[in-house]
Amino acid sequence: ETSVKLLSCDPSMNEERKAGDYPAARKHLEEAIELTPNDFNPRVNLGLVLVQLKENAAAKEQLEKALALGATEPQVHFELAKALRAHVVETLGHPREWTKAAGYWTRGHADASDKSLDG
């Protein structure tokens, strides 16, 4: 039990993701998911990695599973929207302008929004 929790929370996985070593991060996150299939945290991080690897359908799947397991952070919904949009545009070939979003709220700023979905 202790080793499972340690692997699930291994900070090197997040360091690899932040450093851009997405294949290594993916490998470690997939191992964490095998050991802790009901923990949504490695699924969220794997979803972020898969978006960077342009594996949008797989990212969508992991982020949806994370939500089903209890992830409640708004960022998970935002990343899922980005993965869905990328899948529709890049994989299905729909024009980007057909999927344009107005923006998303920014935590702590009542009058601000995040336009990064458009980028």
Protein backbone atom coordinates (compact mmCIF):
# COMPACT_ATOMS: atom_id res chain seq x y z
CA GLU A 1 0.00 0.00 0.00
CA THR A 2 2.74 2.50 0.92
CA SER A 3 4.76 1.84 -2.24
CA VAL A 4 1.65 2.28 -4.36
CA LYS A 5 0.96 5.67 -2.82
CA LEU A 6 4.57 6.73 -3.25
CA LEU A 7 4.57 5.85 -6.94
CA SER A 8 1.23 7.55 -7.44
CA CYS A 9 2.60 10.76 -5.92
CA ASP A 10 6.15 10.50 -7.29
CA PRO A 11 7.21 14.11 -7.93
CA SER A 12 9.57 13.06 -10.73
CA MET A 13 6.54 12.36 -12.93
CA ASN A 14 5.45 15.97 -12.65
CA GLU A 15 9.05 17.18 -13.11
CA GLU A 16 9.32 15.15 -16.32
CA ARG A 17 6.07 16.64 -17.57
CA LYS A 18 7.15 20.18 -16.69
CA ALA A 19 10.55 19.59 -18.33
CA GLY A 20 8.86 18.44 -21.53
CA ASP A 21 9.99 14.80 -21.26
CA TYR A 22 6.51 13.61 -22.15
CA PRO A 23 7.41 10.02 -23.13
CA ALA A 24 9.08 9.40 -19.74
CA ALA A 25 6.23 11.09 -17.88
CA ARG A 26 3.72 8.98 -19.82
CA LYS A 27 5.52 5.75 -18.91
CA HIS A 28 5.57 6.59 -15.20
CA LEU A 29 1.97 7.81 -15.15
CA GLU A 30 0.74 4.67 -16.90
CA GLU A 31 2.58 2.61 -14.24
CA ALA A 32 0.93 4.69 -11.49
CA ILE A 33 -2.50 4.12 -13.04
CA GLU A 34 -1.88 0.36 -13.17
CA LEU A 35 -1.06 0.37 -9.46
CA THR A 36 -3.76 2.87 -8.41
CA PRO A 37 -6.58 2.65 -10.95
CA ASN A 38 -9.04 4.54 -8.73
CA ASP A 39 -6.78 7.57 -8.15
CA PHE A 40 -7.73 10.41 -10.47
CA ASN A 41 -4.48 12.39 -10.03
CA PRO A 42 -2.24 10.34 -12.35
CA ARG A 43 -5.05 10.26 -14.91
CA VAL A 44 -5.26 14.06 -14.92
CA ASN A 45 -1.50 14.33 -15.40
CA LEU A 46 -1.52 11.63 -18.08
CA GLY A 47 -4.26 13.55 -19.88
CA LEU A 48 -2.06 16.66 -19.85
CA VAL A 49 0.89 14.65 -21.20
CA LEU A 50 -1.22 13.08 -23.95
CA VAL A 51 -2.42 16.52 -25.08
CA GLN A 52 1.22 17.55 -25.45
CA LEU A 53 1.90 14.35 -27.43
CA LYS A 54 -1.07 15.24 -29.72
CA GLU A 55 -2.89 12.06 -28.65
CA ASN A 56 -6.12 13.93 -28.09
CA ALA A 57 -8.56 11.01 -28.13
CA ALA A 58 -6.50 9.23 -25.45
CA ALA A 59 -6.22 12.49 -23.46
CA LYS A 60 -10.01 12.89 -23.61
CA GLU A 61 -10.44 9.34 -22.32
CA GLN A 62 -8.08 9.85 -19.36
CA LEU A 63 -9.58 13.20 -18.39
CA GLU A 64 -13.12 11.80 -18.57
CA LYS A 65 -12.05 8.89 -16.35
CA ALA A 66 -10.47 11.34 -13.90
CA LEU A 67 -13.75 13.24 -13.69
CA ALA A 68 -15.68 10.01 -13.20
CA LEU A 69 -13.30 9.11 -10.34
CA GLY A 70 -14.01 12.37 -8.56
CA ALA A 71 -11.69 15.06 -9.93
CA THR A 72 -13.44 18.37 -9.26
CA GLU A 73 -10.91 21.00 -10.29
CA PRO A 74 -12.17 23.36 -13.02
CA GLN A 75 -8.79 22.93 -14.74
CA VAL A 76 -9.69 19.30 -15.55
CA HIS A 77 -12.80 20.47 -17.40
CA PHE A 78 -10.77 23.13 -19.19
CA GLU A 79 -8.11 20.60 -20.28
CA LEU A 80 -10.86 18.23 -21.44
CA ALA A 81 -12.35 21.02 -23.56
CA LYS A 82 -8.92 21.68 -25.10
CA ALA A 83 -8.42 17.97 -25.83
CA LEU A 84 -11.88 17.70 -27.40
CA ARG A 85 -11.30 20.76 -29.53
CA ALA A 86 -7.91 19.52 -30.68
CA HIS A 87 -9.44 16.14 -31.55
CA VAL A 88 -12.23 17.75 -33.57
CA VAL A 89 -9.84 20.10 -35.40
CA GLU A 90 -6.71 17.99 -35.82
CA THR A 91 -8.11 14.47 -36.08
CA LEU A 92 -11.52 15.00 -37.63
CA GLY A 93 -10.43 17.93 -39.78
CA HIS A 94 -13.12 20.45 -38.85
CA PRO A 95 -12.21 24.11 -39.37
CA ARG A 96 -10.79 25.69 -36.20
CA GLU A 97 -13.12 28.70 -36.47
CA TRP A 98 -16.14 26.40 -36.18
CA THR A 99 -15.02 25.44 -32.69
CA LYS A 100 -14.04 28.86 -31.40
CA ALA A 101 -14.67 29.41 -27.71
CA ALA A 102 -15.23 32.82 -26.19
CA GLY A 103 -12.94 32.12 -23.23
CA TYR A 104 -13.01 30.73 -19.74
CA TRP A 105 -13.05 32.37 -16.34
CA THR A 106 -9.80 32.97 -14.54
CA ARG A 107 -9.68 31.99 -10.87
CA GLY A 108 -9.66 34.99 -8.57
CA HIS A 109 -10.51 37.53 -11.29
CA ALA A 110 -14.19 38.30 -11.75
CA ASP A 111 -13.59 40.35 -14.89
CA ALA A 112 -10.97 38.15 -16.63
CA SER A 113 -11.04 35.17 -18.93
CA ASP A 114 -8.50 32.77 -20.38
CA LYS A 115 -8.37 32.81 -24.18
CA SER A 116 -5.71 30.07 -24.45
CA LEU A 117 -8.25 27.66 -25.91
CA ASP A 118 -8.15 29.78 -29.06
CA GLY A 119 -4.38 29.37 -29.46
